[in-house]
């Protein structure tokens, strides 16, 4: 993340010509599940979730998004995900990629259950005591309704995957999987 991205991430107010503080819409969107200590909610609208294909680079964290054309080309090494738009109690926006299919994997099943609850309630999650899935926790006090802003899901995706979209075979990661050891 560049210094300018960090500055934007931490900026919450801007001074307007009138001398009044005007809240900015948070344009930073991360990809991943929220931290265990953070309460969050998931946007309840079906328009704020989408099924996508992603791929990971070796020795990097975070997925790359594949365009429809590249989903076909990299099908053998890609992973299907359902991206859910969410927001933390600190107003941090995120896209939670839930692995598909959900069946059979206790981690994914418990995450899917928490996502369902989070569409109507604030919740936080931690690994359960058995280490076999996620455990949700509701807050002890009522919290204000989340403000997701007015951005569309496409705007969230654009912000989250700025330089992490593979749209053609000339992308270095696509070349790695097409020509290199990725498909051996």
Protein backbone atom coordinates (compact mmCIF):
# COMPACT_ATOMS: atom_id res chain seq x y z
CA UNK A 1 0.00 0.00 0.00
CA UNK A 2 1.45 3.40 -0.96
CA UNK A 3 1.84 6.35 1.40
CA UNK A 4 -1.00 8.14 -0.40
CA UNK A 5 -3.29 5.12 0.10
CA UNK A 6 -2.46 5.15 3.82
CA UNK A 7 -3.17 8.87 4.02
CA UNK A 8 -6.54 8.41 2.34
CA UNK A 9 -7.35 5.46 4.61
CA UNK A 10 -6.81 7.50 7.75
CA UNK A 11 -8.48 10.67 6.49
CA UNK A 12 -12.00 11.01 7.82
CA UNK A 13 -12.80 14.70 7.49
CA UNK A 14 -12.02 17.48 5.03
CA UNK A 15 -12.28 21.22 5.62
CA UNK A 16 -14.86 22.75 3.24
CA UNK A 17 -14.74 26.36 1.99
CA UNK A 18 -17.44 27.28 4.48
CA UNK A 19 -15.23 26.29 7.39
CA UNK A 20 -17.45 23.31 8.30
CA UNK A 21 -16.19 19.77 8.53
CA UNK A 22 -17.71 17.58 5.82
CA UNK A 23 -17.46 13.79 6.23
CA UNK A 24 -15.84 11.97 3.34
CA UNK A 25 -17.12 8.66 2.10
CA UNK A 26 -14.56 5.98 2.94
CA UNK A 27 -13.17 4.77 -0.39
CA UNK A 28 -10.80 2.19 1.10
CA UNK A 29 -12.12 -1.36 0.80
CA UNK A 30 -10.09 -4.35 1.97
CA UNK A 31 -10.50 -7.98 0.93
CA UNK A 32 -10.80 -10.59 3.67
CA UNK A 33 -12.80 -11.48 6.73
CA UNK A 34 -12.84 -8.92 9.54
CA UNK A 35 -10.43 -9.17 12.46
CA UNK A 36 -11.72 -11.18 15.42
CA UNK A 37 -11.85 -8.18 17.73
CA UNK A 38 -13.99 -6.10 15.34
CA UNK A 39 -17.78 -6.07 15.31
CA UNK A 40 -19.15 -6.01 11.77
CA UNK A 41 -22.26 -6.28 9.66
CA UNK A 42 -22.79 -7.63 6.16
CA UNK A 43 -24.85 -5.62 3.69
CA UNK A 44 -28.26 -7.35 3.53
CA UNK A 45 -28.96 -6.54 -0.14
CA UNK A 46 -28.37 -9.32 -2.70
CA UNK A 47 -27.06 -6.52 -4.95
CA UNK A 48 -24.07 -6.20 -2.60
CA UNK A 49 -22.72 -9.71 -3.12
CA UNK A 50 -21.39 -11.50 -6.19
CA UNK A 51 -19.88 -14.82 -7.18
CA UNK A 52 -16.39 -14.43 -8.64
CA UNK A 53 -13.29 -16.43 -9.50
CA UNK A 54 -10.03 -15.58 -7.77
CA UNK A 55 -6.47 -16.77 -7.81
CA UNK A 56 -3.61 -16.37 -5.36
CA UNK A 57 -0.04 -15.52 -6.20
CA UNK A 58 2.65 -17.69 -4.65
CA UNK A 59 4.18 -15.99 -1.59
CA UNK A 60 1.56 -13.21 -1.52
CA UNK A 61 -1.50 -12.65 0.59
CA UNK A 62 -4.79 -11.56 -0.87
CA UNK A 63 -6.56 -12.81 -3.97
CA UNK A 64 -6.49 -11.53 -7.54
CA UNK A 65 -9.83 -11.16 -9.30
CA UNK A 66 -10.29 -12.89 -12.66
CA UNK A 67 -12.38 -11.43 -15.48
CA UNK A 68 -14.88 -13.76 -17.16
CA UNK A 69 -12.44 -14.50 -20.00
CA UNK A 70 -9.62 -15.35 -17.61
CA UNK A 71 -11.88 -17.55 -15.46
CA UNK A 72 -12.00 -19.96 -18.42
CA UNK A 73 -8.26 -19.78 -19.09
CA UNK A 74 -7.25 -20.29 -15.45
CA UNK A 75 -10.12 -22.56 -14.39
CA UNK A 76 -7.80 -25.32 -13.12
CA UNK A 77 -6.05 -23.03 -10.61
CA UNK A 78 -8.80 -20.56 -9.75
CA UNK A 79 -11.14 -20.67 -6.79
CA UNK A 80 -14.84 -19.74 -6.75
CA UNK A 81 -15.79 -17.22 -4.09
CA UNK A 82 -18.87 -15.33 -3.01
CA UNK A 83 -17.89 -11.73 -2.16
CA UNK A 84 -19.99 -10.13 0.58
CA UNK A 85 -19.83 -6.38 1.24
CA UNK A 86 -19.45 -5.57 4.92
CA UNK A 87 -18.50 -2.82 7.33
CA UNK A 88 -16.91 -2.85 10.77
CA UNK A 89 -18.04 -0.84 13.76
CA UNK A 90 -15.06 1.44 12.98
CA UNK A 91 -16.59 2.10 9.53
CA UNK A 92 -13.96 0.03 7.70
CA UNK A 93 -15.38 -1.41 4.48
CA UNK A 94 -14.43 -4.91 3.38
CA UNK A 95 -15.31 -7.61 0.88
CA UNK A 96 -15.41 -11.00 2.55
CA UNK A 97 -14.60 -13.79 0.06
CA UNK A 98 -16.45 -16.92 1.15
CA UNK A 99 -15.13 -20.08 -0.53
CA UNK A 100 -17.51 -22.08 -2.67
CA UNK A 101 -18.90 -24.65 -2.41
CA UNK A 102 -19.87 -24.17 1.23
CA UNK A 103 -20.75 -27.87 1.85
CA UNK A 104 -18.66 -30.04 4.10
CA UNK A 105 -15.98 -27.62 5.32
CA UNK A 106 -16.66 -26.66 8.96
CA UNK A 107 -14.76 -23.37 8.65
CA UNK A 108 -16.72 -22.31 5.59
CA UNK A 109 -20.03 -23.54 7.03
CA UNK A 110 -19.53 -21.61 10.28
CA UNK A 111 -18.44 -18.50 8.33
CA UNK A 112 -21.59 -18.75 6.18
CA UNK A 113 -23.75 -18.97 9.34
CA UNK A 114 -22.06 -15.87 10.79
CA UNK A 115 -22.56 -14.00 7.50
CA UNK A 116 -26.30 -14.80 7.70
CA UNK A 117 -26.54 -13.40 11.23
CA UNK A 118 -24.40 -10.38 10.32
CA UNK A 119 -26.94 -9.27 7.71
CA UNK A 120 -29.22 -8.13 10.55
CA UNK A 121 -26.99 -7.84 13.64
CA UNK A 122 -23.56 -6.62 14.68
CA UNK A 123 -21.31 -9.60 15.37
CA UNK A 124 -17.66 -10.45 15.86
CA UNK A 125 -16.05 -13.84 15.43
CA UNK A 126 -13.18 -15.92 16.72
CA UNK A 127 -11.94 -19.44 16.21
CA UNK A 128 -14.02 -21.81 18.33
CA UNK A 129 -12.45 -23.58 21.31
CA UNK A 130 -12.12 -26.87 19.40
CA UNK A 131 -10.28 -25.15 16.53
CA UNK A 132 -12.79 -26.55 14.04
CA UNK A 133 -14.64 -23.43 12.91
CA UNK A 134 -15.77 -19.91 13.78
CA UNK A 135 -17.79 -18.79 16.80
CA UNK A 136 -19.88 -15.62 16.62
CA UNK A 137 -20.38 -13.16 19.48
CA UNK A 138 -23.11 -10.53 19.68
CA UNK A 139 -22.37 -7.20 21.41
CA UNK A 140 -23.61 -6.63 24.96
CA UNK A 141 -25.05 -3.23 24.01
CA UNK A 142 -27.09 -2.00 21.07
CA UNK A 143 -25.05 -0.37 18.31
CA UNK A 144 -26.13 2.16 15.71
CA UNK A 145 -27.22 0.88 12.32
CA UNK A 146 -24.33 0.57 9.85
CA UNK A 147 -23.80 3.26 7.21
CA UNK A 148 -22.59 1.51 4.07
CA UNK A 149 -22.57 4.74 2.06
CA UNK A 150 -23.89 5.07 -1.46
CA UNK A 151 -21.21 3.20 -3.40
CA UNK A 152 -22.30 0.34 -5.62
CA UNK A 153 -20.81 -3.14 -5.34
CA UNK A 154 -18.86 -2.44 -8.52
CA UNK A 155 -17.29 0.62 -6.86
CA UNK A 156 -16.38 -1.48 -3.80
CA UNK A 157 -14.79 -4.10 -6.07
CA UNK A 158 -12.87 -1.46 -8.03
CA UNK A 159 -11.52 0.03 -4.79
CA UNK A 160 -10.65 -3.36 -3.30
CA UNK A 161 -9.00 -4.90 -6.37
CA UNK A 162 -7.37 -1.74 -7.82
CA UNK A 163 -4.25 -3.41 -9.18
CA UNK A 164 -5.26 -7.02 -8.56
CA UNK A 165 -7.41 -7.84 -11.60
CA UNK A 166 -6.25 -10.33 -14.21
CA UNK A 167 -7.92 -9.44 -17.48
CA UNK A 168 -5.63 -11.05 -20.09
CA UNK A 169 -2.97 -13.70 -20.58
CA UNK A 170 -0.17 -11.11 -20.55
CA UNK A 171 -0.64 -10.43 -16.83
CA UNK A 172 2.49 -11.78 -15.06
CA UNK A 173 0.45 -14.04 -12.78
CA UNK A 174 -1.53 -15.43 -15.73
CA UNK A 175 1.74 -16.12 -17.55
CA UNK A 176 3.10 -17.84 -14.47
CA UNK A 177 0.16 -20.25 -14.33
CA UNK A 178 -0.13 -20.74 -18.09
CA UNK A 179 3.57 -21.18 -18.89
CA UNK A 180 5.15 -21.90 -15.52
CA UNK A 181 4.84 -24.39 -12.72
CA UNK A 182 1.27 -23.34 -11.83
CA UNK A 183 -0.37 -26.01 -14.04
CA UNK A 184 2.09 -28.87 -13.62
